[in-house]
């Protein structure tokens, strides 16, 4: 995968006390100039950079129809 000028790489990092960052750059990112944008982790859509996933945290947010695996009328000619 090669990145072009419109691709972006998101990486969450902790700011150390000495205020100096060391970033792990993926190998597919070409050499050259980059722009680093700051945003607190709480504001980012992917949430905090670290944490333990909570099992069952989405319980009740999704459902599956009773006839989910029933044959579809649109495909009856192919069956």
N, C-alpha and C. Protein backbone atom coordinates (compact mmCIF):
# COMPACT_ATOMS: atom_id res chain seq x y z
N UNK A 1 0.85 -1.18 0.00
CA UNK A 1 0.00 0.00 0.00
C UNK A 1 0.89 1.24 0.00
N UNK A 2 0.69 2.10 -0.93
CA UNK A 2 1.41 3.36 -1.00
C UNK A 2 0.47 4.50 -0.65
N UNK A 3 0.96 5.42 0.12
CA UNK A 3 0.15 6.57 0.50
C UNK A 3 0.34 7.68 -0.51
N UNK A 4 -0.74 8.41 -0.78
CA UNK A 4 -0.61 9.58 -1.63
C UNK A 4 -0.82 10.82 -0.78
N UNK A 5 -0.87 11.97 -1.41
CA UNK A 5 -0.92 13.22 -0.65
C UNK A 5 -2.20 13.41 0.13
N UNK A 6 -3.25 12.61 -0.14
CA UNK A 6 -4.51 12.78 0.56
C UNK A 6 -4.74 11.73 1.64
N UNK A 7 -3.84 10.75 1.76
CA UNK A 7 -3.98 9.74 2.79
C UNK A 7 -3.51 10.29 4.12
N UNK A 8 -3.99 9.67 5.18
CA UNK A 8 -3.56 10.11 6.49
C UNK A 8 -3.28 8.90 7.37
N UNK A 9 -2.38 9.09 8.29
CA UNK A 9 -2.04 8.06 9.27
C UNK A 9 -2.36 8.65 10.62
N UNK A 10 -3.17 7.95 11.40
CA UNK A 10 -3.53 8.44 12.73
C UNK A 10 -2.79 7.60 13.75
N UNK A 11 -2.17 8.28 14.69
CA UNK A 11 -1.43 7.59 15.73
C UNK A 11 -1.62 8.38 17.02
N UNK A 12 -2.08 7.71 18.05
CA UNK A 12 -2.24 8.36 19.35
C UNK A 12 -0.96 8.19 20.13
N UNK A 13 -0.50 9.25 20.75
CA UNK A 13 0.74 9.21 21.55
C UNK A 13 0.50 9.93 22.86
N UNK A 14 1.27 9.55 23.86
CA UNK A 14 1.26 10.26 25.14
C UNK A 14 2.35 11.32 25.11
N UNK A 15 2.04 12.49 25.64
CA UNK A 15 3.03 13.57 25.71
C UNK A 15 3.87 13.33 26.96
N UNK A 16 5.18 13.08 26.80
CA UNK A 16 6.03 12.84 27.96
C UNK A 16 6.36 14.15 28.68
N UNK A 17 6.84 14.04 29.92
CA UNK A 17 7.17 15.25 30.70
C UNK A 17 8.18 16.17 30.01
N UNK A 18 9.12 15.59 29.25
CA UNK A 18 10.12 16.43 28.59
C UNK A 18 9.58 17.09 27.31
N UNK A 19 8.30 16.81 26.98
CA UNK A 19 7.59 17.42 25.85
C UNK A 19 8.20 17.09 24.49
N UNK A 20 8.97 15.98 24.39
CA UNK A 20 9.57 15.57 23.12
C UNK A 20 8.89 14.29 22.65
N UNK A 21 8.46 14.29 21.42
CA UNK A 21 7.75 13.14 20.87
C UNK A 21 8.65 12.28 20.00
N UNK A 22 8.45 10.99 20.09
CA UNK A 22 9.08 10.04 19.19
C UNK A 22 7.94 9.26 18.56
N UNK A 23 7.81 9.36 17.25
CA UNK A 23 6.70 8.72 16.56
C UNK A 23 7.18 7.51 15.77
N UNK A 24 6.40 6.44 15.82
CA UNK A 24 6.67 5.27 14.99
C UNK A 24 5.99 5.52 13.65
N UNK A 25 6.79 5.64 12.61
CA UNK A 25 6.26 5.91 11.28
C UNK A 25 6.11 4.58 10.54
N UNK A 26 4.90 4.26 10.06
CA UNK A 26 4.71 3.01 9.32
C UNK A 26 5.63 2.96 8.11
N UNK A 27 6.08 1.77 7.73
CA UNK A 27 7.03 1.66 6.62
C UNK A 27 6.48 2.09 5.27
N UNK A 28 5.16 2.14 5.11
CA UNK A 28 4.60 2.53 3.82
C UNK A 28 4.48 4.05 3.66
N UNK A 29 4.86 4.80 4.66
CA UNK A 29 4.80 6.26 4.56
C UNK A 29 6.09 6.75 3.90
N UNK A 30 5.96 7.48 2.79
CA UNK A 30 7.16 7.95 2.08
C UNK A 30 7.88 9.04 2.88
N UNK A 31 9.16 9.18 2.61
CA UNK A 31 9.93 10.25 3.24
C UNK A 31 9.42 11.59 2.73
N UNK A 32 9.60 12.60 3.54
CA UNK A 32 9.19 13.93 3.12
C UNK A 32 8.57 14.69 4.27
N UNK A 33 8.02 15.81 3.95
CA UNK A 33 7.44 16.71 4.92
C UNK A 33 6.06 16.23 5.35
N UNK A 34 5.75 16.38 6.63
CA UNK A 34 4.44 15.99 7.16
C UNK A 34 3.88 17.12 8.01
N UNK A 35 2.58 17.06 8.25
CA UNK A 35 1.92 18.00 9.14
C UNK A 35 1.39 17.20 10.31
N UNK A 36 1.71 17.63 11.51
CA UNK A 36 1.23 16.96 12.71
C UNK A 36 0.17 17.86 13.32
N UNK A 37 -1.02 17.32 13.53
CA UNK A 37 -2.13 18.07 14.09
C UNK A 37 -2.39 17.59 15.51
N UNK A 38 -2.61 18.51 16.41
CA UNK A 38 -2.88 18.17 17.81
C UNK A 38 -4.38 18.18 18.07
N UNK A 39 -4.84 17.19 18.79
CA UNK A 39 -6.22 17.16 19.29
C UNK A 39 -6.22 16.26 20.52
N UNK A 40 -6.84 16.69 21.61
CA UNK A 40 -6.92 15.82 22.79
C UNK A 40 -7.61 14.51 22.45
N UNK A 41 -7.17 13.41 23.05
CA UNK A 41 -7.72 12.09 22.75
C UNK A 41 -9.23 12.04 22.98
N UNK A 42 -9.73 12.78 23.95
CA UNK A 42 -11.16 12.75 24.24
C UNK A 42 -11.99 13.28 23.07
N UNK A 43 -11.40 14.10 22.24
CA UNK A 43 -12.12 14.71 21.13
C UNK A 43 -12.06 13.85 19.86
N UNK A 44 -11.20 12.86 19.84
CA UNK A 44 -11.03 12.06 18.64
C UNK A 44 -12.10 10.98 18.57
N UNK A 45 -12.56 10.65 17.37
CA UNK A 45 -13.64 9.67 17.23
C UNK A 45 -13.26 8.27 17.69
N UNK A 46 -11.98 7.95 17.67
CA UNK A 46 -11.58 6.60 18.10
C UNK A 46 -11.37 6.53 19.60
N UNK A 47 -11.57 7.62 20.31
CA UNK A 47 -11.50 7.60 21.77
C UNK A 47 -10.09 7.71 22.30
N UNK A 48 -9.92 7.32 23.53
CA UNK A 48 -8.63 7.41 24.20
C UNK A 48 -7.63 6.49 23.51
N UNK A 49 -6.36 6.85 23.51
CA UNK A 49 -5.36 6.05 22.81
C UNK A 49 -5.15 4.68 23.43
N UNK A 50 -5.36 4.53 24.69
CA UNK A 50 -5.14 3.25 25.34
C UNK A 50 -6.35 2.90 26.19
N UNK A 51 -6.49 1.68 26.49
CA UNK A 51 -7.59 1.24 27.33
C UNK A 51 -7.93 -0.20 27.05
N UNK A 52 -8.68 -0.77 27.93
CA UNK A 52 -9.09 -2.15 27.78
C UNK A 52 -10.50 -2.19 27.23
N UNK A 53 -10.71 -2.90 26.14
CA UNK A 53 -12.07 -3.01 25.62
C UNK A 53 -12.98 -3.68 26.66
N UNK A 54 -14.19 -3.21 26.73
CA UNK A 54 -15.14 -3.74 27.70
C UNK A 54 -16.07 -4.71 26.98
N UNK A 55 -16.02 -5.99 27.38
CA UNK A 55 -16.87 -6.99 26.77
C UNK A 55 -18.34 -6.67 27.03
N UNK A 56 -19.12 -6.68 25.97
CA UNK A 56 -20.55 -6.43 26.10
C UNK A 56 -20.95 -4.97 26.14
N UNK A 57 -20.04 -4.05 25.86
CA UNK A 57 -20.35 -2.63 25.96
C UNK A 57 -21.38 -2.18 24.92
N UNK A 58 -21.57 -2.94 23.85
CA UNK A 58 -22.55 -2.57 22.82
C UNK A 58 -23.82 -3.40 22.93
N UNK A 59 -23.99 -4.10 24.03
CA UNK A 59 -25.16 -4.96 24.20
C UNK A 59 -26.45 -4.14 24.06
N UNK A 60 -27.36 -4.65 23.25
CA UNK A 60 -28.64 -3.99 23.04
C UNK A 60 -28.63 -2.93 21.96
N UNK A 61 -27.46 -2.63 21.39
CA UNK A 61 -27.39 -1.61 20.35
C UNK A 61 -27.59 -2.18 18.95
N UNK A 62 -27.49 -3.50 18.83
CA UNK A 62 -27.63 -4.15 17.53
C UNK A 62 -28.63 -5.29 17.65
N UNK A 63 -29.29 -5.60 16.56
CA UNK A 63 -30.20 -6.73 16.55
C UNK A 63 -30.11 -7.39 15.18
N UNK A 64 -30.53 -8.63 15.13
CA UNK A 64 -30.52 -9.37 13.88
C UNK A 64 -31.94 -9.89 13.64
N UNK A 65 -32.43 -9.71 12.44
CA UNK A 65 -33.78 -10.15 12.10
C UNK A 65 -33.89 -11.66 12.25
N UNK A 66 -35.06 -12.14 12.62
CA UNK A 66 -35.27 -13.57 12.79
C UNK A 66 -35.04 -14.33 11.48
N UNK A 67 -35.33 -13.70 10.36
CA UNK A 67 -35.14 -14.37 9.07
C UNK A 67 -33.83 -13.94 8.38
N UNK A 68 -32.82 -13.60 9.16
CA UNK A 68 -31.56 -13.11 8.62
C UNK A 68 -30.97 -14.05 7.58
N UNK A 69 -30.97 -15.35 7.86
CA UNK A 69 -30.35 -16.30 6.94
C UNK A 69 -31.35 -16.98 6.01
N UNK A 70 -32.55 -16.45 5.92
CA UNK A 70 -33.54 -17.00 5.00
C UNK A 70 -33.17 -16.61 3.56
N UNK A 71 -33.53 -17.46 2.59
CA UNK A 71 -33.22 -17.13 1.19
C UNK A 71 -33.89 -15.82 0.77
N UNK A 72 -33.19 -15.04 -0.01
CA UNK A 72 -33.73 -13.77 -0.49
C UNK A 72 -34.50 -13.98 -1.78
N UNK A 73 -35.62 -13.33 -1.90
CA UNK A 73 -36.47 -13.43 -3.09
C UNK A 73 -35.71 -13.00 -4.34
N UNK A 74 -34.84 -12.00 -4.21
CA UNK A 74 -34.10 -11.47 -5.35
C UNK A 74 -33.17 -12.49 -5.97
N UNK A 75 -32.77 -13.51 -5.21
CA UNK A 75 -31.79 -14.49 -5.70
C UNK A 75 -32.40 -15.85 -6.01
N UNK A 76 -33.71 -15.93 -6.05
CA UNK A 76 -34.35 -17.24 -6.27
C UNK A 76 -33.98 -17.84 -7.63
N UNK A 77 -33.70 -17.00 -8.64
CA UNK A 77 -33.32 -17.52 -9.96
C UNK A 77 -31.94 -18.17 -9.94
N UNK A 78 -31.13 -17.86 -8.97
CA UNK A 78 -29.76 -18.38 -8.91
C UNK A 78 -29.65 -19.60 -7.98
N UNK A 79 -30.72 -19.98 -7.34
CA UNK A 79 -30.67 -21.09 -6.39
C UNK A 79 -31.19 -22.36 -7.01
